[in-house]
Amino acid sequence: MNKIIYWILAASTVLIGLNSCKENPWDDVTDGGWNHERTILDIKLEGQVGVAQIENTDATTGIINLKVAPDMVNDMSKVHIEKLSLSYQAESSVDQGGIIDFTSSVIPSITVTSKMGETRTYTLSMSPFIETITGIYTIQDFYVYGGTGASYGGTGVVRLSGKGSCWTTGATKPSAEFDNYIVLKLTEVMVDGNTTGECINYGGVDANWWDCIFVAAQNKWNTGDLDLSSFYRRIPKGKSTWVRNYAENTITFIAEDGTVSSSCKLLETGTYTMYSNDSRNLILNVPNQAFEFDVAGKDNWDNMYTDFNMLASSPRKFFIMITKQASDFVLPEDSKTLPE
């Protein structure tokens, strides 16, 4: 019996000794000795368009391809990192909230260091996203294509400011907007790739906008003055929002109260045919650019060949002639007038 107890005690002593010499298998886990990960999982920069494409080239290098909209960044030499996700326990040379300089001759990079000290350096390859409609515009004129019975000569292309007898005079006639400035700013590139931003329709030095009133004297319906804002107030006074749909090639303006105008197209310099047959060719000349809005006028056969028909009852298309100012143009402070 004593021998059995002796051998049990001896075996226990050996096991205890062996265990005291063996390394704890969890030490690598708790100390991070296993962790060689040094990867950027996700990154989002100020003004970034879409999702960054992150590629681990090899053990020590990587590349990040992304797009940034300069219109959405105050200073391209100080582009803020809004989001930065790294592999577990890794650290980076630039943290979330830090800045990237895209103006230097040196290609920007971010170095990620693993828990064990290995590094991988990612170079940032940035492509600028340019929204071509942003900028400052002046209004040159308004035109309408309208009327009834095109094949009978009942339609025409009309310059609104040339029809002074049809509109109220003074501060609210069509030419009241010829000192206005329209400023389009980019605020977001949406998931679907379309863009949106802020529009400000400043009233200019005279702080006035066209009231779109067609006077009673020209109204063939004899119902007094006609407010044609539903036809012609397509860019809201003051502040609004714009949305550009690239697939449909349209721009939509949305007033602050949520009212949505019909979408328009941006026309470039050129000559556009409104109607053509063997004897007539109605054209519109766009000297610079123009917003083209479809207008829901209806046929009025009783009043063909009149300004009332073309402008008030049966307008078809409304054009705002615009000129984009140079990128270094500074909008005069006394022209930054807004509706009361």
C-alpha atoms as a PDB file:
ATOM      1  CA  MET A   1       0.000   0.000   0.000  1.00  0.00           C
ATOM      2  CA  ASN A   2       2.823   2.381   0.903  1.00  0.00           C
ATOM      3  CA  LYS A   3       4.454   1.662  -2.485  1.00  0.00           C
ATOM      4  CA  ILE A   4       1.297   2.571  -4.364  1.00  0.00           C
ATOM      5  CA  ILE A   5       1.019   5.894  -2.516  1.00  0.00           C
ATOM      6  CA  TYR A   6       4.680   6.571  -3.230  1.00  0.00           C
ATOM      7  CA  TRP A   7       4.294   6.066  -6.985  1.00  0.00           C
ATOM      8  CA  ILE A   8       1.207   8.274  -7.138  1.00  0.00           C
ATOM      9  CA  LEU A   9       3.050  11.082  -5.331  1.00  0.00           C
ATOM     10  CA  ALA A  10       6.057  10.668  -7.593  1.00  0.00           C
ATOM     11  CA  ALA A  11       3.954  10.797 -10.757  1.00  0.00           C
ATOM     12  CA  SER A  12       2.126  13.907  -9.542  1.00  0.00           C
ATOM     13  CA  THR A  13       5.415  15.632  -8.828  1.00  0.00           C
ATOM     14  CA  VAL A  14       6.643  14.909 -12.377  1.00  0.00           C
ATOM     15  CA  LEU A  15       3.424  16.211 -13.968  1.00  0.00           C
ATOM     16  CA  ILE A  16       3.527  19.384 -11.912  1.00  0.00           C
ATOM     17  CA  GLY A  17       7.117  19.916 -12.942  1.00  0.00           C
ATOM     18  CA  LEU A  18       6.329  19.401 -16.601  1.00  0.00           C
ATOM     19  CA  ASN A  19       3.383  21.792 -16.505  1.00  0.00           C
ATOM     20  CA  SER A  20       5.463  24.463 -14.795  1.00  0.00           C
ATOM     21  CA  CYS A  21       7.935  24.374 -17.702  1.00  0.00           C
ATOM     22  CA  LYS A  22       5.353  24.501 -20.565  1.00  0.00           C
ATOM     23  CA  GLU A  23       4.337  27.952 -22.030  1.00  0.00           C
ATOM     24  CA  ASN A  24       0.666  28.910 -21.596  1.00  0.00           C
ATOM     25  CA  PRO A  25      -0.941  28.334 -25.023  1.00  0.00           C
ATOM     26  CA  TRP A  26      -3.166  31.433 -24.545  1.00  0.00           C
ATOM     27  CA  ASP A  27      -0.209  33.776 -24.075  1.00  0.00           C
ATOM     28  CA  ASP A  28      -0.012  34.463 -27.824  1.00  0.00           C
ATOM     29  CA  VAL A  29      -3.668  35.353 -27.884  1.00  0.00           C
ATOM     30  CA  THR A  30      -3.644  37.664 -24.887  1.00  0.00           C
ATOM     31  CA  ASP A  31      -0.344  39.301 -25.833  1.00  0.00           C
ATOM     32  CA  GLY A  32      -1.232  39.671 -29.526  1.00  0.00           C
ATOM     33  CA  GLY A  33       1.796  37.699 -30.642  1.00  0.00           C
ATOM     34  CA  TRP A  34      -0.272  36.054 -33.362  1.00  0.00           C
ATOM     35  CA  ASN A  35      -1.433  39.347 -34.825  1.00  0.00           C
ATOM     36  CA  HIS A  36       0.400  40.376 -37.975  1.00  0.00           C
ATOM     37  CA  GLU A  37      -2.637  42.069 -39.538  1.00  0.00           C
ATOM     38  CA  ARG A  38      -2.014  45.570 -40.994  1.00  0.00           C
ATOM     39  CA  THR A  39      -4.934  46.278 -43.301  1.00  0.00           C
ATOM     40  CA  ILE A  40      -7.156  49.262 -44.029  1.00  0.00           C
ATOM     41  CA  LEU A  41     -10.672  47.825 -44.095  1.00  0.00           C
ATOM     42  CA  ASP A  42     -12.571  50.984 -44.972  1.00  0.00           C
ATOM     43  CA  ILE A  43     -11.906  54.693 -45.506  1.00  0.00           C
ATOM     44  CA  LYS A  44     -14.117  57.714 -46.162  1.00  0.00           C
ATOM     45  CA  LEU A  45     -12.706  61.153 -46.920  1.00  0.00           C
ATOM     46  CA  GLU A  46     -14.360  64.547 -46.893  1.00  0.00           C
ATOM     47  CA  GLY A  47     -16.087  65.037 -50.251  1.00  0.00           C
ATOM     48  CA  GLN A  48     -15.546  61.411 -51.258  1.00  0.00           C
ATOM     49  CA  VAL A  49     -17.749  60.059 -54.028  1.00  0.00           C
ATOM     50  CA  GLY A  50     -18.745  56.411 -53.737  1.00  0.00           C
ATOM     51  CA  VAL A  51     -16.793  53.646 -51.982  1.00  0.00           C
ATOM     52  CA  ALA A  52     -12.998  53.558 -51.936  1.00  0.00           C
ATOM     53  CA  GLN A  53     -11.365  50.592 -53.666  1.00  0.00           C
ATOM     54  CA  ILE A  54      -8.720  49.156 -51.323  1.00  0.00           C
ATOM     55  CA  GLU A  55      -6.128  46.712 -52.636  1.00  0.00           C
ATOM     56  CA  ASN A  56      -3.376  44.967 -50.682  1.00  0.00           C
ATOM     57  CA  THR A  57      -0.666  44.753 -53.326  1.00  0.00           C
ATOM     58  CA  ASP A  58       1.707  42.645 -51.211  1.00  0.00           C
ATOM     59  CA  ALA A  59       2.861  42.276 -47.608  1.00  0.00           C
ATOM     60  CA  THR A  60       4.252  45.809 -47.407  1.00  0.00           C
ATOM     61  CA  THR A  61       2.307  47.892 -49.928  1.00  0.00           C
ATOM     62  CA  GLY A  62      -1.246  48.671 -50.950  1.00  0.00           C
ATOM     63  CA  ILE A  63      -3.211  51.190 -52.978  1.00  0.00           C
ATOM     64  CA  ILE A  64      -6.479  53.027 -52.368  1.00  0.00           C
ATOM     65  CA  ASN A  65      -8.389  54.318 -55.379  1.00  0.00           C
ATOM     66  CA  LEU A  66     -11.060  56.892 -54.669  1.00  0.00           C
ATOM     67  CA  LYS A  67     -12.900  59.908 -56.062  1.00  0.00           C
ATOM     68  CA  VAL A  68     -13.237  63.261 -54.319  1.00  0.00           C
ATOM     69  CA  ALA A  69     -15.416  66.197 -55.376  1.00  0.00           C
ATOM     70  CA  PRO A  70     -13.340  69.385 -54.968  1.00  0.00           C
ATOM     71  CA  ASP A  71     -16.595  71.396 -54.829  1.00  0.00           C
ATOM     72  CA  MET A  72     -17.363  69.693 -51.514  1.00  0.00           C
ATOM     73  CA  VAL A  73     -13.951  70.382 -49.935  1.00  0.00           C
ATOM     74  CA  ASN A  74     -12.812  73.723 -48.559  1.00  0.00           C
ATOM     75  CA  ASP A  75      -9.107  73.023 -48.991  1.00  0.00           C
ATOM     76  CA  MET A  76      -7.683  70.132 -51.025  1.00  0.00           C
ATOM     77  CA  SER A  77      -4.467  70.387 -49.020  1.00  0.00           C
ATOM     78  CA  LYS A  78      -6.452  69.565 -45.870  1.00  0.00           C
ATOM     79  CA  VAL A  79      -8.953  66.860 -46.786  1.00  0.00           C
ATOM     80  CA  HIS A  80     -10.292  65.354 -43.576  1.00  0.00           C
ATOM     81  CA  ILE A  81     -10.535  61.611 -42.965  1.00  0.00           C
ATOM     82  CA  GLU A  82     -14.126  61.109 -41.832  1.00  0.00           C
ATOM     83  CA  LYS A  83     -13.880  57.348 -41.351  1.00  0.00           C
ATOM     84  CA  LEU A  84     -10.954  54.933 -41.041  1.00  0.00           C
ATOM     85  CA  SER A  85     -11.365  51.243 -40.107  1.00  0.00           C
ATOM     86  CA  LEU A  86      -8.281  49.081 -39.501  1.00  0.00           C
ATOM     87  CA  SER A  87      -7.670  45.408 -38.794  1.00  0.00           C
ATOM     88  CA  TYR A  88      -7.668  44.383 -35.121  1.00  0.00           C
ATOM     89  CA  GLN A  89      -5.055  46.128 -32.939  1.00  0.00           C
ATOM     90  CA  ALA A  90      -3.426  47.836 -35.928  1.00  0.00           C
ATOM     91  CA  GLU A  91      -2.397  51.496 -35.830  1.00  0.00           C
ATOM     92  CA  SER A  92      -2.042  54.019 -38.663  1.00  0.00           C
ATOM     93  CA  SER A  93       0.226  56.958 -39.388  1.00  0.00           C
ATOM     94  CA  VAL A  94      -2.847  59.151 -39.916  1.00  0.00           C
ATOM     95  CA  ASP A  95      -5.861  58.706 -37.678  1.00  0.00           C
ATOM     96  CA  GLN A  96      -9.545  59.250 -38.283  1.00  0.00           C
ATOM     97  CA  GLY A  97     -10.056  63.009 -38.103  1.00  0.00           C
ATOM     98  CA  GLY A  98      -6.624  63.637 -39.588  1.00  0.00           C
ATOM     99  CA  ILE A  99      -5.968  65.283 -42.951  1.00  0.00           C
ATOM    100  CA  ILE A 100      -4.627  64.275 -46.355  1.00  0.00           C
ATOM    101  CA  ASP A 101      -2.848  66.702 -48.702  1.00  0.00           C
ATOM    102  CA  PHE A 102      -3.718  66.200 -52.371  1.00  0.00           C
ATOM    103  CA  THR A 103      -1.919  69.333 -53.546  1.00  0.00           C
ATOM    104  CA  SER A 104       1.646  68.292 -52.751  1.00  0.00           C
ATOM    105  CA  SER A 105       3.999  66.836 -55.342  1.00  0.00           C
ATOM    106  CA  VAL A 106       4.437  63.920 -52.939  1.00  0.00           C
ATOM    107  CA  ILE A 107       1.793  61.204 -53.396  1.00  0.00           C
ATOM    108  CA  PRO A 108      -0.121  60.933 -50.097  1.00  0.00           C
ATOM    109  CA  SER A 109       0.047  57.669 -48.181  1.00  0.00           C
ATOM    110  CA  ILE A 110      -1.073  55.992 -44.969  1.00  0.00           C
ATOM    111  CA  THR A 111       1.134  53.460 -43.166  1.00  0.00           C
ATOM    112  CA  VAL A 112      -0.545  50.770 -41.063  1.00  0.00           C
ATOM    113  CA  THR A 113       1.420  48.939 -38.365  1.00  0.00           C
ATOM    114  CA  SER A 114       0.424  45.571 -36.938  1.00  0.00           C
ATOM    115  CA  LYS A 115       0.570  44.580 -33.252  1.00  0.00           C
ATOM    116  CA  MET A 116       3.852  42.788 -34.012  1.00  0.00           C
ATOM    117  CA  GLY A 117       5.389  45.814 -35.719  1.00  0.00           C
ATOM    118  CA  GLU A 118       5.112  44.903 -39.418  1.00  0.00           C
ATOM    119  CA  THR A 119       3.986  47.717 -41.720  1.00  0.00           C
ATOM    120  CA  ARG A 120       2.041  48.158 -44.945  1.00  0.00           C
ATOM    121  CA  THR A 121       2.006  51.523 -46.731  1.00  0.00           C
ATOM    122  CA  TYR A 122      -1.037  52.446 -48.801  1.00  0.00           C
ATOM    123  CA  THR A 123      -0.724  55.101 -51.486  1.00  0.00           C
ATOM    124  CA  LEU A 124      -3.864  57.153 -52.176  1.00  0.00           C
ATOM    125  CA  SER A 125      -4.784  57.515 -55.838  1.00  0.00           C
ATOM    126  CA  MET A 126      -7.410  60.253 -56.088  1.00  0.00           C
ATOM    127  CA  SER A 127      -9.513  61.105 -59.151  1.00  0.00           C
ATOM    128  CA  PRO A 128     -11.420  64.405 -58.954  1.00  0.00           C
ATOM    129  CA  PHE A 129     -15.176  64.247 -59.486  1.00  0.00           C
ATOM    130  CA  ILE A 130     -16.269  67.416 -61.298  1.00  0.00           C
ATOM    131  CA  GLU A 131     -19.927  68.451 -61.317  1.00  0.00           C
ATOM    132  CA  THR A 132     -20.114  70.621 -64.418  1.00  0.00           C
ATOM    133  CA  ILE A 133     -23.236  72.608 -63.536  1.00  0.00           C
ATOM    134  CA  THR A 134     -21.900  74.159 -60.348  1.00  0.00           C
ATOM    135  CA  GLY A 135     -20.935  77.820 -60.517  1.00  0.00           C
ATOM    136  CA  ILE A 136     -22.362  81.316 -60.809  1.00  0.00           C
ATOM    137  CA  TYR A 137     -24.754  82.200 -63.627  1.00  0.00           C
ATOM    138  CA  THR A 138     -26.364  85.379 -64.901  1.00  0.00           C
ATOM    139  CA  ILE A 139     -29.751  85.502 -66.648  1.00  0.00           C
ATOM    140  CA  GLN A 140     -29.678  87.003 -70.133  1.00  0.00           C
ATOM    141  CA  ASP A 141     -33.270  86.566 -71.309  1.00  0.00           C
ATOM    142  CA  PHE A 142     -36.435  84.468 -71.342  1.00  0.00           C
ATOM    143  CA  TYR A 143     -37.916  82.752 -74.402  1.00  0.00           C
ATOM    144  CA  VAL A 144     -41.064  80.716 -74.972  1.00  0.00           C
ATOM    145  CA  TYR A 145     -42.038  78.340 -77.724  1.00  0.00           C
ATOM    146  CA  GLY A 146     -45.817  78.202 -77.724  1.00  0.00           C
ATOM    147  CA  GLY A 147     -49.102  78.469 -79.572  1.00  0.00           C
ATOM    148  CA  THR A 148     -51.683  76.264 -81.237  1.00  0.00           C
ATOM    149  CA  GLY A 149     -51.628  74.685 -84.684  1.00  0.00           C
ATOM    150  CA  ALA A 150     -47.973  74.569 -85.640  1.00  0.00           C
ATOM    151  CA  SER A 151     -48.743  73.330 -89.146  1.00  0.00           C
ATOM    152  CA  TYR A 152     -51.037  76.341 -89.647  1.00  0.00           C
ATOM    153  CA  GLY A 153     -48.458  78.855 -88.486  1.00  0.00           C
ATOM    154  CA  GLY A 154     -50.030  79.263 -85.049  1.00  0.00           C
ATOM    155  CA  THR A 155     -46.862  78.700 -83.012  1.00  0.00           C
ATOM    156  CA  GLY A 156     -43.799  80.832 -82.515  1.00  0.00           C
ATOM    157  CA  VAL A 157     -40.579  81.439 -80.603  1.00  0.00           C
ATOM    158  CA  VAL A 158     -41.117  84.555 -78.499  1.00  0.00           C
ATOM    159  CA  ARG A 159     -38.681  86.694 -76.495  1.00  0.00           C
ATOM    160  CA  LEU A 160     -40.655  87.601 -73.364  1.00  0.00           C
ATOM    161  CA  SER A 161     -38.919  90.897 -72.646  1.00  0.00           C
ATOM    162  CA  GLY A 162     -39.879  91.967 -76.181  1.00  0.00           C
ATOM    163  CA  LYS A 163     -43.579  91.674 -75.299  1.00  0.00           C
ATOM    164  CA  GLY A 164     -43.791  94.570 -72.860  1.00  0.00           C
ATOM    165  CA  SER A 165     -47.537  95.073 -73.338  1.00  0.00           C
ATOM    166  CA  CYS A 166     -48.223  91.577 -71.979  1.00  0.00           C
ATOM    167  CA  TRP A 167     -46.565  91.978 -68.605  1.00  0.00           C
ATOM    168  CA  THR A 168     -46.653  94.286 -65.637  1.00  0.00           C
ATOM    169  CA  THR A 169     -44.217  97.155 -65.991  1.00  0.00           C
ATOM    170  CA  GLY A 170     -41.639  98.560 -63.622  1.00  0.00           C
ATOM    171  CA  ALA A 171     -39.771  96.579 -60.989  1.00  0.00           C
ATOM    172  CA  THR A 172     -41.431  93.213 -61.657  1.00  0.00           C
ATOM    173  CA  LYS A 173     -41.314  92.917 -65.452  1.00  0.00           C
ATOM    174  CA  PRO A 174     -39.307  90.038 -67.009  1.00  0.00           C
ATOM    175  CA  SER A 175     -36.121  92.096 -67.327  1.00  0.00           C
ATOM    176  CA  ALA A 176     -36.133  92.563 -63.528  1.00  0.00           C
ATOM    177  CA  GLU A 177     -34.159  89.319 -63.388  1.00  0.00           C
ATOM    178  CA  PHE A 178     -31.453  90.344 -65.802  1.00  0.00           C
ATOM    179  CA  ASP A 179     -29.297  91.513 -62.886  1.00  0.00           C
ATOM    180  CA  ASN A 180     -29.959  88.319 -60.905  1.00  0.00           C
ATOM    181  CA  TYR A 181     -27.314  85.727 -60.080  1.00  0.00           C
ATOM    182  CA  ILE A 182     -28.010  82.011 -59.843  1.00  0.00           C
ATOM    183  CA  VAL A 183     -25.465  80.131 -57.720  1.00  0.00           C
ATOM    184  CA  LEU A 184     -25.354  76.339 -57.863  1.00  0.00           C
ATOM    185  CA  LYS A 185     -23.334  74.488 -55.206  1.00  0.00           C
ATOM    186  CA  LEU A 186     -22.718  70.748 -54.894  1.00  0.00           C
ATOM    187  CA  THR A 187     -23.519  69.246 -51.482  1.00  0.00           C
ATOM    188  CA  GLU A 188     -23.811  65.512 -52.130  1.00  0.00           C
ATOM    189  CA  VAL A 189     -23.178  62.778 -54.626  1.00  0.00           C
ATOM    190  CA  MET A 190     -25.872  60.200 -53.967  1.00  0.00           C
ATOM    191  CA  VAL A 191     -25.539  56.419 -53.916  1.00  0.00           C
ATOM    192  CA  ASP A 192     -27.080  56.148 -57.380  1.00  0.00           C
ATOM    193  CA  GLY A 193     -24.447  58.516 -58.774  1.00  0.00           C
ATOM    194  CA  ASN A 194     -26.796  61.472 -59.172  1.00  0.00           C
ATOM    195  CA  THR A 195     -25.875  64.806 -57.629  1.00  0.00           C
ATOM    196  CA  THR A 196     -27.690  67.350 -55.507  1.00  0.00           C
ATOM    197  CA  GLY A 197     -26.920  70.715 -54.020  1.00  0.00           C
ATOM    198  CA  GLU A 198     -28.000  74.202 -53.100  1.00  0.00           C
ATOM    199  CA  CYS A 199     -29.383  76.784 -55.507  1.00  0.00           C
ATOM    200  CA  ILE A 200     -29.566  80.473 -54.619  1.00  0.00           C
ATOM    201  CA  ASN A 201     -31.444  82.792 -56.968  1.00  0.00           C
ATOM    202  CA  TYR A 202     -30.245  86.219 -55.830  1.00  0.00           C
ATOM    203  CA  GLY A 203     -32.380  89.238 -56.713  1.00  0.00           C
ATOM    204  CA  GLY A 204     -29.460  91.378 -57.811  1.00  0.00           C
ATOM    205  CA  VAL A 205     -28.926  95.034 -56.968  1.00  0.00           C
ATOM    206  CA  ASP A 206     -32.613  95.879 -57.457  1.00  0.00           C
ATOM    207  CA  ALA A 207     -33.701  92.938 -55.239  1.00  0.00           C
ATOM    208  CA  ASN A 208     -36.514  92.112 -57.664  1.00  0.00           C
ATOM    209  CA  TRP A 209     -37.797  89.104 -59.566  1.00  0.00           C
ATOM    210  CA  TRP A 210     -40.243  88.836 -62.448  1.00  0.00           C
ATOM    211  CA  ASP A 211     -43.777  88.420 -61.044  1.00  0.00           C
ATOM    212  CA  CYS A 212     -44.997  86.338 -64.039  1.00  0.00           C
ATOM    213  CA  ILE A 213     -48.238  88.385 -64.265  1.00  0.00           C
ATOM    214  CA  PHE A 214     -49.914  88.449 -67.690  1.00  0.00           C
ATOM    215  CA  VAL A 215     -51.992  91.628 -67.725  1.00  0.00           C
ATOM    216  CA  ALA A 216     -55.756  91.732 -68.023  1.00  0.00           C
ATOM    217  CA  ALA A 217     -55.693  93.879 -71.163  1.00  0.00           C
ATOM    218  CA  GLN A 218     -54.191  90.955 -73.122  1.00  0.00           C
ATOM    219  CA  ASN A 219     -56.261  88.240 -71.434  1.00  0.00           C
ATOM    220  CA  LYS A 220     -58.717  86.834 -74.001  1.00  0.00           C
ATOM    221  CA  TRP A 221     -60.602  85.031 -71.261  1.00  0.00           C
ATOM    222  CA  ASN A 222     -61.492  88.373 -69.624  1.00  0.00           C
ATOM    223  CA  THR A 223     -60.669  87.066 -66.169  1.00  0.00           C
ATOM    224  CA  GLY A 224     -58.344  89.865 -65.119  1.00  0.00           C
ATOM    225  CA  ASP A 225     -54.615  89.542 -64.588  1.00  0.00           C
ATOM    226  CA  LEU A 226     -53.237  85.998 -64.908  1.00  0.00           C
ATOM    227  CA  ASP A 227     -50.556  84.716 -62.584  1.00  0.00           C
ATOM    228  CA  LEU A 228     -48.446  82.436 -64.773  1.00  0.00           C
ATOM    229  CA  SER A 229     -45.986  81.443 -62.066  1.00  0.00           C
ATOM    230  CA  SER A 230     -46.875  77.775 -62.597  1.00  0.00           C
ATOM    231  CA  PHE A 231     -45.489  78.136 -66.124  1.00  0.00           C
ATOM    232  CA  TYR A 232     -42.548  80.456 -65.583  1.00  0.00           C
ATOM    233  CA  ARG A 233     -41.361  80.467 -61.938  1.00  0.00           C
ATOM    234  CA  ARG A 234     -39.306  77.346 -62.465  1.00  0.00           C
ATOM    235  CA  ILE A 235     -36.221  78.409 -60.501  1.00  0.00           C
ATOM    236  CA  PRO A 236     -37.498  79.478 -57.072  1.00  0.00           C
ATOM    237  CA  LYS A 237     -36.657  82.888 -55.649  1.00  0.00           C
ATOM    238  CA  GLY A 238     -33.960  82.772 -53.011  1.00  0.00           C
ATOM    239  CA  LYS A 239     -32.807  79.381 -51.755  1.00  0.00           C
ATOM    240  CA  SER A 240     -33.816  76.008 -53.143  1.00  0.00           C
ATOM    241  CA  THR A 241     -32.354  72.579 -53.872  1.00  0.00           C
ATOM    242  CA  TRP A 242     -31.346  71.080 -57.206  1.00  0.00           C
ATOM    243  CA  VAL A 243     -31.041  67.429 -58.203  1.00  0.00           C
ATOM    244  CA  ARG A 244     -29.278  66.252 -61.344  1.00  0.00           C
ATOM    245  CA  ASN A 245     -30.324  62.932 -62.852  1.00  0.00           C
ATOM    246  CA  TYR A 246     -27.549  61.743 -65.150  1.00  0.00           C
ATOM    247  CA  ALA A 247     -29.500  58.833 -66.642  1.00  0.00           C
ATOM    248  CA  GLU A 248     -32.344  61.142 -67.734  1.00  0.00           C
ATOM    249  CA  ASN A 249     -30.095  64.161 -68.360  1.00  0.00           C
ATOM    250  CA  THR A 250     -32.337  66.411 -66.279  1.00  0.00           C
ATOM    251  CA  ILE A 251     -32.088  68.994 -63.497  1.00  0.00           C
ATOM    252  CA  THR A 252     -34.938  69.488 -61.024  1.00  0.00           C
ATOM    253  CA  PHE A 253     -35.355  72.461 -58.698  1.00  0.00           C
ATOM    254  CA  ILE A 254     -37.105  71.988 -55.345  1.00  0.00           C
ATOM    255  CA  ALA A 255     -38.313  75.001 -53.345  1.00  0.00           C
ATOM    256  CA  GLU A 256     -37.762  75.273 -49.600  1.00  0.00           C
ATOM    257  CA  ASP A 257     -41.410  74.326 -48.988  1.00  0.00           C
ATOM    258  CA  GLY A 258     -40.910  71.098 -50.962  1.00  0.00           C
ATOM    259  CA  THR A 259     -42.583  72.297 -54.172  1.00  0.00           C
ATOM    260  CA  VAL A 260     -40.969  70.537 -57.126  1.00  0.00           C
ATOM    261  CA  SER A 261     -40.651  72.227 -60.506  1.00  0.00           C
ATOM    262  CA  SER A 262     -40.769  70.176 -63.650  1.00  0.00           C
ATOM    263  CA  SER A 263     -37.357  68.880 -64.630  1.00  0.00           C
ATOM    264  CA  CYS A 264     -35.335  70.812 -67.192  1.00  0.00           C
ATOM    265  CA  LYS A 265     -32.504  70.113 -69.572  1.00  0.00           C
ATOM    266  CA  LEU A 266     -29.332  72.126 -69.845  1.00  0.00           C
ATOM    267  CA  LEU A 267     -28.783  73.243 -73.437  1.00  0.00           C
ATOM    268  CA  GLU A 268     -25.348  74.164 -74.687  1.00  0.00           C
ATOM    269  CA  THR A 269     -24.494  76.766 -77.324  1.00  0.00           C
ATOM    270  CA  GLY A 270     -26.256  76.008 -80.572  1.00  0.00           C
ATOM    271  CA  THR A 271     -29.353  76.248 -82.736  1.00  0.00           C
ATOM    272  CA  TYR A 272     -32.392  74.179 -81.775  1.00  0.00           C
ATOM    273  CA  THR A 273     -35.356  73.448 -84.023  1.00  0.00           C
ATOM    274  CA  MET A 274     -38.751  73.882 -82.368  1.00  0.00           C
ATOM    275  CA  TYR A 275     -40.827  73.072 -85.449  1.00  0.00           C
ATOM    276  CA  SER A 276     -40.111  72.513 -89.089  1.00  0.00           C
ATOM    277  CA  ASN A 277     -42.052  71.733 -92.259  1.00  0.00           C
ATOM    278  CA  ASP A 278     -41.719  72.580 -95.946  1.00  0.00           C
ATOM    279  CA  SER A 279     -42.600  76.227 -95.404  1.00  0.00           C
ATOM    280  CA  ARG A 280     -41.629  77.027 -91.781  1.00  0.00           C
ATOM    281  CA  ASN A 281     -38.578  76.474 -89.657  1.00  0.00           C
ATOM    282  CA  LEU A 282     -38.900  77.736 -86.085  1.00  0.00           C
ATOM    283  CA  ILE A 283     -35.528  77.789 -84.351  1.00  0.00           C
ATOM    284  CA  LEU A 284     -34.103  78.922 -81.033  1.00  0.00           C
ATOM    285  CA  ASN A 285     -30.556  80.259 -80.875  1.00  0.00           C
ATOM    286  CA  VAL A 286     -28.758  79.622 -77.590  1.00  0.00           C
ATOM    287  CA  PRO A 287     -25.701  81.915 -77.416  1.00  0.00           C
ATOM    288  CA  ASN A 288     -24.240  80.385 -74.252  1.00  0.00           C
ATOM    289  CA  GLN A 289     -26.409  77.994 -72.261  1.00  0.00           C
ATOM    290  CA  ALA A 290     -30.095  77.660 -71.415  1.00  0.00           C
ATOM    291  CA  PHE A 291     -32.396  75.784 -69.044  1.00  0.00           C
ATOM    292  CA  GLU A 292     -35.215  74.223 -71.070  1.00  0.00           C
ATOM    293  CA  PHE A 293     -38.474  73.484 -69.226  1.00  0.00           C
ATOM    294  CA  ASP A 294     -41.478  71.689 -70.687  1.00  0.00           C
ATOM    295  CA  VAL A 295     -44.621  73.760 -70.032  1.00  0.00           C
ATOM    296  CA  ALA A 296     -48.078  72.211 -69.844  1.00  0.00           C
ATOM    297  CA  GLY A 297     -49.994  74.653 -72.041  1.00  0.00           C
ATOM    298  CA  LYS A 298     -53.099  73.406 -73.867  1.00  0.00           C
ATOM    299  CA  ASP A 299     -54.367  73.989 -77.376  1.00  0.00           C
ATOM    300  CA  ASN A 300     -56.593  77.048 -77.715  1.00  0.00           C
ATOM    301  CA  TRP A 301     -57.983  77.117 -81.249  1.00  0.00           C
ATOM    302  CA  ASP A 302     -60.205  80.115 -80.539  1.00  0.00           C
ATOM    303  CA  ASN A 303     -57.281  82.481 -80.031  1.00  0.00           C
ATOM    304  CA  MET A 304     -54.709  81.404 -82.579  1.00  0.00           C
ATOM    305  CA  TYR A 305     -52.120  83.910 -83.797  1.00  0.00           C
ATOM    306  CA  THR A 306     -52.217  85.922 -80.552  1.00  0.00           C
ATOM    307  CA  ASP A 307     -49.651  86.616 -77.847  1.00  0.00           C
ATOM    308  CA  PHE A 308     -52.240  85.351 -75.384  1.00  0.00           C
ATOM    309  CA  ASN A 309     -52.249  81.962 -77.079  1.00  0.00           C
ATOM    310  CA  MET A 310     -48.485  81.591 -77.266  1.00  0.00           C
ATOM    311  CA  LEU A 311     -47.652  82.996 -73.817  1.00  0.00           C
ATOM    312  CA  ALA A 312     -50.642  82.477 -71.523  1.00  0.00           C
ATOM    313  CA  SER A 313     -52.874  79.632 -72.709  1.00  0.00           C
ATOM    314  CA  SER A 314     -50.664  77.424 -74.863  1.00  0.00           C
ATOM    315  CA  PRO A 315     -46.966  77.780 -74.013  1.00  0.00           C
ATOM    316  CA  ARG A 316     -45.001  74.600 -74.765  1.00  0.00           C
ATOM    317  CA  LYS A 317     -41.418  75.214 -73.718  1.00  0.00           C
ATOM    318  CA  PHE A 318     -39.835  77.846 -71.515  1.00  0.00           C
ATOM    319  CA  PHE A 319     -36.163  78.789 -71.857  1.00  0.00           C
ATOM    320  CA  ILE A 320     -33.985  80.682 -69.385  1.00  0.00           C
ATOM    321  CA  MET A 321     -30.922  81.979 -71.217  1.00  0.00           C
ATOM    322  CA  ILE A 322     -27.917  81.911 -68.901  1.00  0.00           C
ATOM    323  CA  THR A 323     -24.199  82.662 -68.951  1.00  0.00           C
ATOM    324  CA  LYS A 324     -21.795  80.906 -66.617  1.00  0.00           C
ATOM    325  CA  GLN A 325     -19.212  83.174 -65.041  1.00  0.00           C
ATOM    326  CA  ALA A 326     -15.504  82.394 -64.869  1.00  0.00           C
ATOM    327  CA  SER A 327     -14.356  80.254 -61.928  1.00  0.00           C
ATOM    328  CA  ASP A 328     -12.565  83.228 -60.355  1.00  0.00           C
ATOM    329  CA  PHE A 329     -15.627  85.489 -60.594  1.00  0.00           C
ATOM    330  CA  VAL A 330     -16.559  87.105 -57.286  1.00  0.00           C
ATOM    331  CA  LEU A 331     -20.259  87.770 -56.791  1.00  0.00           C
ATOM    332  CA  PRO A 332     -20.827  91.415 -55.732  1.00  0.00           C
ATOM    333  CA  GLU A 333     -22.049  91.712 -52.162  1.00  0.00           C
ATOM    334  CA  ASP A 334     -24.780  94.217 -53.083  1.00  0.00           C
ATOM    335  CA  SER A 335     -26.265  91.654 -55.467  1.00  0.00           C
ATOM    336  CA  LYS A 336     -26.762  88.971 -52.807  1.00  0.00           C
ATOM    337  CA  THR A 337     -30.350  89.974 -52.140  1.00  0.00           C
ATOM    338  CA  LEU A 338     -32.986  87.478 -51.012  1.00  0.00           C
ATOM    339  CA  PRO A 339     -36.789  87.597 -50.786  1.00  0.00           C
ATOM    340  CA  GLU A 340     -38.192  89.102 -47.623  1.00  0.00           C
END
